């Protein structure tokens, strides 16, 4: 495996220990990184560590401090911080199992791939993976990773296991603080059906390759043009997607009906649109026209 293991150690379940390696499941994307440049010289700006009233200081004079009151700090040495780190740096103890869908999505932070460390660990690894899968459970434990004890979850993923770091309770804002003023009313059945039709039109299997950062693409294009223009200023108008804000749509039902009726450009919009073209009692209209023709005669 080309990637370097982010963590190596063992998963422990009671008296069973499974040597594993953990790899980051994500990588830095195509984000554009900018530097601050001194325009007259074209050189990069550097930052110095300074103390107010003293000026620049040496790196070996810097220690960590925790502010206990305004301007007052408790100073801590690196060896003091190191001494309080937990001993089980290389052991992930599984302490609880919960239903797979029980953990709210905003607790999840970052995913990692877990694989057996060697062939001897494979049997126990597979047993744990399949036991979790059969019971539809997610394992919980705490793992010391890069100086911090992380709450983590483990669940089956194909032939492997995915570990996800979780936020602690005090790191998550309470949803009711934001949702409390939203009315608990239920919409009309017809509106729900129309909204459901819109969802059906745009439903498809998830394919991450279909999505990309358009802002990053635009920045790359701008950088290429700027490099060819040799410093000339380039300002381009960006086409904004059509917005309904200016139309002041008041009738939600009409907006939903128009969307389902073919106004949407989704991949599967043609199917519902075809249903909407069903004749609306046109034969009856022809029968009414016939008597009028006789009277004129």
Protein backbone atom coordinates (compact mmCIF):
# COMPACT_ATOMS: atom_id res chain seq x y z
CA UNK A 1 0.00 0.00 0.00
CA UNK A 2 1.54 3.28 -1.14
CA UNK A 3 -0.03 5.50 1.51
CA UNK A 4 1.59 5.83 4.92
CA UNK A 5 -0.43 4.58 7.91
CA UNK A 6 -1.84 7.42 9.98
CA UNK A 7 -1.99 5.20 13.09
CA UNK A 8 -0.92 1.67 13.96
CA UNK A 9 -2.00 -0.23 17.03
CA UNK A 10 -4.62 -2.71 18.10
CA UNK A 11 -8.38 -2.85 18.45
CA UNK A 12 -9.33 -4.55 21.70
CA UNK A 13 -12.66 -6.24 22.35
CA UNK A 14 -12.60 -7.82 25.81
CA UNK A 15 -9.67 -10.28 25.64
CA UNK A 16 -9.39 -10.18 21.84
CA UNK A 17 -6.74 -7.87 20.32
CA UNK A 18 -6.59 -7.16 16.58
CA UNK A 19 -3.46 -5.44 15.19
CA UNK A 20 -4.59 -2.86 12.64
CA UNK A 21 -3.40 0.05 10.56
CA UNK A 22 -5.47 3.20 10.00
CA UNK A 23 -5.25 5.29 6.83
CA UNK A 24 -6.85 8.64 6.13
CA UNK A 25 -9.82 8.15 3.81
CA UNK A 26 -9.64 11.71 2.50
CA UNK A 27 -7.02 13.91 0.91
CA UNK A 28 -6.64 17.61 0.36
CA UNK A 29 -8.66 18.59 -2.68
CA UNK A 30 -7.94 20.93 -5.52
CA UNK A 31 -8.26 24.06 -3.36
CA UNK A 32 -6.22 27.01 -4.55
CA UNK A 33 -3.69 28.22 -1.97
CA UNK A 34 -2.78 31.90 -2.02
CA UNK A 35 0.24 33.60 -0.44
CA UNK A 36 0.53 37.20 0.62
CA UNK A 37 3.01 39.04 -1.61
CA UNK A 38 4.70 42.42 -1.27
CA UNK A 39 3.52 43.96 -4.56
CA UNK A 40 6.42 46.43 -5.18
CA UNK A 41 9.10 43.74 -4.81
CA UNK A 42 7.07 40.66 -5.73
CA UNK A 43 8.46 38.81 -2.71
CA UNK A 44 6.52 36.70 -0.24
CA UNK A 45 5.63 38.22 3.13
CA UNK A 46 7.00 36.42 6.21
CA UNK A 47 5.69 36.68 9.75
CA UNK A 48 7.78 37.09 12.87
CA UNK A 49 6.91 36.06 16.42
CA UNK A 50 6.73 39.32 18.34
CA UNK A 51 5.84 40.40 21.88
CA UNK A 52 4.08 43.71 22.37
CA UNK A 53 6.55 46.25 23.73
CA UNK A 54 9.51 43.89 23.24
CA UNK A 55 9.61 43.00 19.56
CA UNK A 56 10.80 39.80 17.84
CA UNK A 57 11.58 36.82 20.13
CA UNK A 58 13.48 33.55 19.71
CA UNK A 59 11.49 30.36 19.14
CA UNK A 60 13.03 28.69 22.22
CA UNK A 61 11.55 31.44 24.43
CA UNK A 62 8.00 30.48 23.46
CA UNK A 63 5.91 28.23 25.73
CA UNK A 64 2.23 27.28 25.75
CA UNK A 65 -0.15 29.15 28.00
CA UNK A 66 -3.81 28.94 29.01
CA UNK A 67 -5.64 32.21 29.74
CA UNK A 68 -7.35 31.97 33.16
CA UNK A 69 -8.36 35.65 33.24
CA UNK A 70 -7.84 38.69 31.04
CA UNK A 71 -4.08 38.91 30.42
CA UNK A 72 -3.20 36.20 32.98
CA UNK A 73 -1.91 32.84 31.76
CA UNK A 74 -0.92 29.50 33.25
CA UNK A 75 2.32 28.53 31.49
CA UNK A 76 2.89 24.87 30.60
CA UNK A 77 6.09 23.15 29.48
CA UNK A 78 6.00 20.49 26.75
CA UNK A 79 7.06 17.73 29.16
CA UNK A 80 4.25 18.69 31.56
CA UNK A 81 1.70 18.38 28.75
CA UNK A 82 3.26 15.09 27.62
CA UNK A 83 2.98 13.66 31.14
CA UNK A 84 -0.83 13.86 31.21
CA UNK A 85 -1.32 12.00 27.93
CA UNK A 86 -3.08 8.68 28.31
CA UNK A 87 -0.95 5.53 28.36
CA UNK A 88 -3.04 3.53 25.89
CA UNK A 89 -1.67 5.35 22.86
CA UNK A 90 -1.68 2.24 20.71
CA UNK A 91 -4.89 0.56 21.85
CA UNK A 92 -8.45 1.27 20.78
CA UNK A 93 -10.79 -0.25 23.37
CA UNK A 94 -14.30 -0.94 22.05
CA UNK A 95 -16.54 0.01 24.96
CA UNK A 96 -20.03 0.27 23.47
CA UNK A 97 -22.13 -0.75 20.46
CA UNK A 98 -25.04 1.28 19.09
CA UNK A 99 -27.48 0.92 16.20
CA UNK A 100 -25.91 1.99 12.90
CA UNK A 101 -28.27 4.94 12.34
CA UNK A 102 -28.40 6.11 15.94
CA UNK A 103 -25.59 8.70 15.81
CA UNK A 104 -26.64 12.11 14.46
CA UNK A 105 -24.75 13.18 11.36
CA UNK A 106 -23.29 16.35 12.88
CA UNK A 107 -21.21 14.31 15.36
CA UNK A 108 -19.15 12.77 12.52
CA UNK A 109 -15.89 14.55 11.76
CA UNK A 110 -13.42 12.64 9.56
CA UNK A 111 -13.27 9.10 8.08
CA UNK A 112 -10.36 6.64 8.10
CA UNK A 113 -9.86 3.19 6.58
CA UNK A 114 -9.02 0.37 9.01
CA UNK A 115 -7.19 -2.72 7.70
CA UNK A 116 -5.59 -5.74 9.42
CA UNK A 117 -1.90 -5.22 10.07
CA UNK A 118 -0.87 -8.65 8.80
CA UNK A 119 -2.23 -12.06 7.81
CA UNK A 120 -2.36 -13.23 11.43
CA UNK A 121 -4.78 -10.41 12.25
CA UNK A 122 -7.12 -11.08 9.32
CA UNK A 123 -9.27 -13.77 10.94
CA UNK A 124 -10.14 -11.72 14.01
CA UNK A 125 -10.62 -8.63 11.85
CA UNK A 126 -13.13 -10.41 9.59
CA UNK A 127 -15.01 -11.80 12.60
CA UNK A 128 -15.42 -8.30 14.06
CA UNK A 129 -16.45 -6.85 10.69
CA UNK A 130 -19.09 -9.49 10.00
CA UNK A 131 -20.43 -9.45 13.57
CA UNK A 132 -21.01 -5.69 13.29
CA UNK A 133 -22.63 -6.14 9.88
CA UNK A 134 -24.92 -8.98 10.99
CA UNK A 135 -26.23 -7.02 13.98
CA UNK A 136 -26.25 -3.66 12.17
CA UNK A 137 -24.19 -2.13 14.94
CA UNK A 138 -21.52 0.57 15.16
CA UNK A 139 -18.69 0.20 17.70
CA UNK A 140 -17.57 3.11 19.87
CA UNK A 141 -14.25 3.73 21.59
CA UNK A 142 -11.66 6.38 22.39
CA UNK A 143 -8.37 6.62 20.58
CA UNK A 144 -5.27 8.68 21.34
CA UNK A 145 -4.33 10.29 18.05
CA UNK A 146 -1.70 13.00 17.68
CA UNK A 147 -1.85 14.13 21.29
CA UNK A 148 -5.63 14.20 21.55
CA UNK A 149 -8.05 11.55 22.73
CA UNK A 150 -10.69 11.13 20.05
CA UNK A 151 -14.11 9.57 20.34
CA UNK A 152 -14.40 7.22 17.35
CA UNK A 153 -16.88 4.88 15.70
CA UNK A 154 -16.20 1.75 13.64
CA UNK A 155 -18.52 0.16 11.10
CA UNK A 156 -18.16 -2.31 8.21
CA UNK A 157 -17.32 -0.98 4.74
CA UNK A 158 -17.01 -3.56 1.99
CA UNK A 159 -14.14 -5.90 2.93
CA UNK A 160 -12.79 -3.42 5.48
CA UNK A 161 -13.87 -1.23 8.39
CA UNK A 162 -14.30 2.53 8.44
CA UNK A 163 -13.32 4.48 11.53
CA UNK A 164 -14.80 7.96 11.93
CA UNK A 165 -13.71 10.51 14.49
CA UNK A 166 -16.65 11.99 16.37
CA UNK A 167 -17.15 15.36 17.99
CA UNK A 168 -17.79 15.40 21.74
CA UNK A 169 -21.13 16.67 23.02
CA UNK A 170 -19.74 20.07 24.04
CA UNK A 171 -18.47 20.60 20.47
CA UNK A 172 -21.94 20.40 18.90
CA UNK A 173 -24.48 23.22 19.08
CA UNK A 174 -27.99 22.17 20.08
CA UNK A 175 -30.34 21.97 17.10
CA UNK A 176 -33.33 23.26 19.10
CA UNK A 177 -31.58 26.60 19.56
CA UNK A 178 -31.97 27.13 15.80
CA UNK A 179 -35.14 25.18 14.98
CA UNK A 180 -37.38 26.21 17.92
CA UNK A 181 -39.14 29.05 16.03
CA UNK A 182 -39.98 26.94 12.96
CA UNK A 183 -43.70 26.04 13.05
CA UNK A 184 -44.61 22.37 13.43
CA UNK A 185 -47.46 22.56 10.90
CA UNK A 186 -47.99 19.86 8.28
CA UNK A 187 -48.41 20.84 4.60
CA UNK A 188 -51.34 19.83 2.43
CA UNK A 189 -51.25 16.31 0.97
CA UNK A 190 -51.27 17.58 -2.63
CA UNK A 191 -48.24 19.80 -1.97
CA UNK A 192 -46.37 16.86 -0.46
CA UNK A 193 -47.16 14.73 -3.51
CA UNK A 194 -45.94 17.45 -5.88
CA UNK A 195 -42.75 17.94 -3.86
CA UNK A 196 -42.30 14.17 -3.87
CA UNK A 197 -42.61 14.14 -7.66
CA UNK A 198 -39.86 16.74 -7.92
CA UNK A 199 -37.66 14.59 -5.68
CA UNK A 200 -38.39 11.53 -7.83
CA UNK A 201 -37.41 13.43 -10.98
CA UNK A 202 -33.98 14.24 -9.59
CA UNK A 203 -33.36 10.95 -7.76
CA UNK A 204 -30.31 8.94 -8.88
CA UNK A 205 -27.52 6.84 -7.35
CA UNK A 206 -24.84 8.97 -5.71
CA UNK A 207 -21.78 9.47 -7.92
CA UNK A 208 -19.19 11.81 -6.38
CA UNK A 209 -17.45 12.22 -9.74
CA UNK A 210 -20.44 14.20 -11.04
CA UNK A 211 -19.72 17.03 -8.62
CA UNK A 212 -16.74 19.35 -8.62
CA UNK A 213 -15.77 22.73 -7.18
CA UNK A 214 -16.70 25.24 -9.91
CA UNK A 215 -15.06 28.07 -7.97
CA UNK A 216 -11.70 26.25 -8.00
CA UNK A 217 -12.07 25.58 -11.75
CA UNK A 218 -12.77 29.27 -12.35
CA UNK A 219 -9.76 30.29 -10.25
CA UNK A 220 -7.47 27.94 -12.17
CA UNK A 221 -8.73 29.41 -15.44
CA UNK A 222 -8.17 32.93 -14.14
CA UNK A 223 -4.61 32.07 -13.01
CA UNK A 224 -3.78 30.61 -16.45
CA UNK A 225 -5.14 33.68 -18.24
CA UNK A 226 -3.37 36.03 -15.83
CA UNK A 227 -0.06 34.25 -16.39
CA UNK A 228 -0.46 34.58 -20.18
CA UNK A 229 -1.54 38.22 -19.87
CA UNK A 230 1.69 38.98 -17.97
CA UNK A 231 0.10 40.90 -15.13
CA UNK A 232 -2.75 42.61 -16.93
CA UNK A 233 -5.95 42.87 -14.90
CA UNK A 234 -8.63 40.36 -15.86
CA UNK A 235 -12.24 40.77 -14.74
CA UNK A 236 -14.79 38.37 -16.10
CA UNK A 237 -18.55 38.41 -15.71
CA UNK A 238 -19.83 35.19 -14.15
CA UNK A 239 -23.20 33.96 -15.34
CA UNK A 240 -25.51 33.46 -12.41
CA UNK A 241 -28.16 30.72 -12.54
CA UNK A 242 -31.72 31.92 -12.92
CA UNK A 243 -33.25 32.82 -9.57
CA UNK A 244 -36.89 32.95 -8.53
CA UNK A 245 -36.25 35.72 -5.99
CA UNK A 246 -37.11 38.49 -8.40
CA UNK A 247 -40.39 36.87 -9.50
CA UNK A 248 -41.96 37.20 -6.03
CA UNK A 249 -43.56 33.73 -6.16
CA UNK A 250 -46.49 33.78 -3.73
CA UNK A 251 -48.51 30.75 -4.83
CA UNK A 252 -46.44 27.74 -3.66
CA UNK A 253 -48.92 25.28 -5.16
CA UNK A 254 -48.64 26.90 -8.60
CA UNK A 255 -44.85 26.91 -8.38
CA UNK A 256 -44.80 23.19 -7.51
CA UNK A 257 -47.22 22.34 -10.33
CA UNK A 258 -45.19 24.31 -12.87
CA UNK A 259 -41.99 22.60 -11.72
CA UNK A 260 -43.47 19.10 -12.00
CA UNK A 261 -45.16 19.96 -15.30
CA UNK A 262 -41.92 20.30 -17.24
CA UNK A 263 -40.40 23.60 -16.12
CA UNK A 264 -37.54 21.69 -14.51
CA UNK A 265 -34.51 20.57 -16.52
CA UNK A 266 -33.63 17.50 -14.43
CA UNK A 267 -32.43 14.27 -16.06
CA UNK A 268 -35.71 12.43 -15.53
CA UNK A 269 -38.04 15.42 -15.98
CA UNK A 270 -39.29 14.05 -19.33
CA UNK A 271 -41.22 11.19 -17.75
CA UNK A 272 -43.52 13.27 -15.50
CA UNK A 273 -43.88 15.82 -18.32
CA UNK A 274 -45.17 13.08 -20.62
CA UNK A 275 -47.85 12.18 -18.07
CA UNK A 276 -48.92 15.81 -17.89
CA UNK A 277 -49.75 15.76 -21.66
CA UNK A 278 -52.61 13.31 -21.18
CA UNK A 279 -55.69 14.72 -23.01
CA UNK A 280 -58.02 16.56 -20.62
CA UNK A 281 -61.46 15.50 -21.94
CA UNK A 282 -60.80 16.81 -25.48
CA UNK A 283 -63.41 14.46 -27.06
CA UNK A 284 -66.14 16.13 -24.96
CA UNK A 285 -65.17 19.54 -26.37
CA UNK A 286 -65.69 18.27 -29.95
CA UNK A 287 -69.22 17.05 -29.15
CA UNK A 288 -70.20 20.52 -27.88
CA UNK A 289 -68.91 22.15 -31.09
CA UNK A 290 -71.08 19.96 -33.36
CA UNK A 291 -74.57 21.38 -32.42
CA UNK A 292 -73.31 24.97 -32.99
CA UNK A 293 -72.34 24.05 -36.54
CA UNK A 294 -75.90 22.83 -37.24
CA UNK A 295 -77.50 26.07 -36.00
CA UNK A 296 -75.38 28.14 -38.39
CA UNK A 297 -76.47 25.88 -41.19
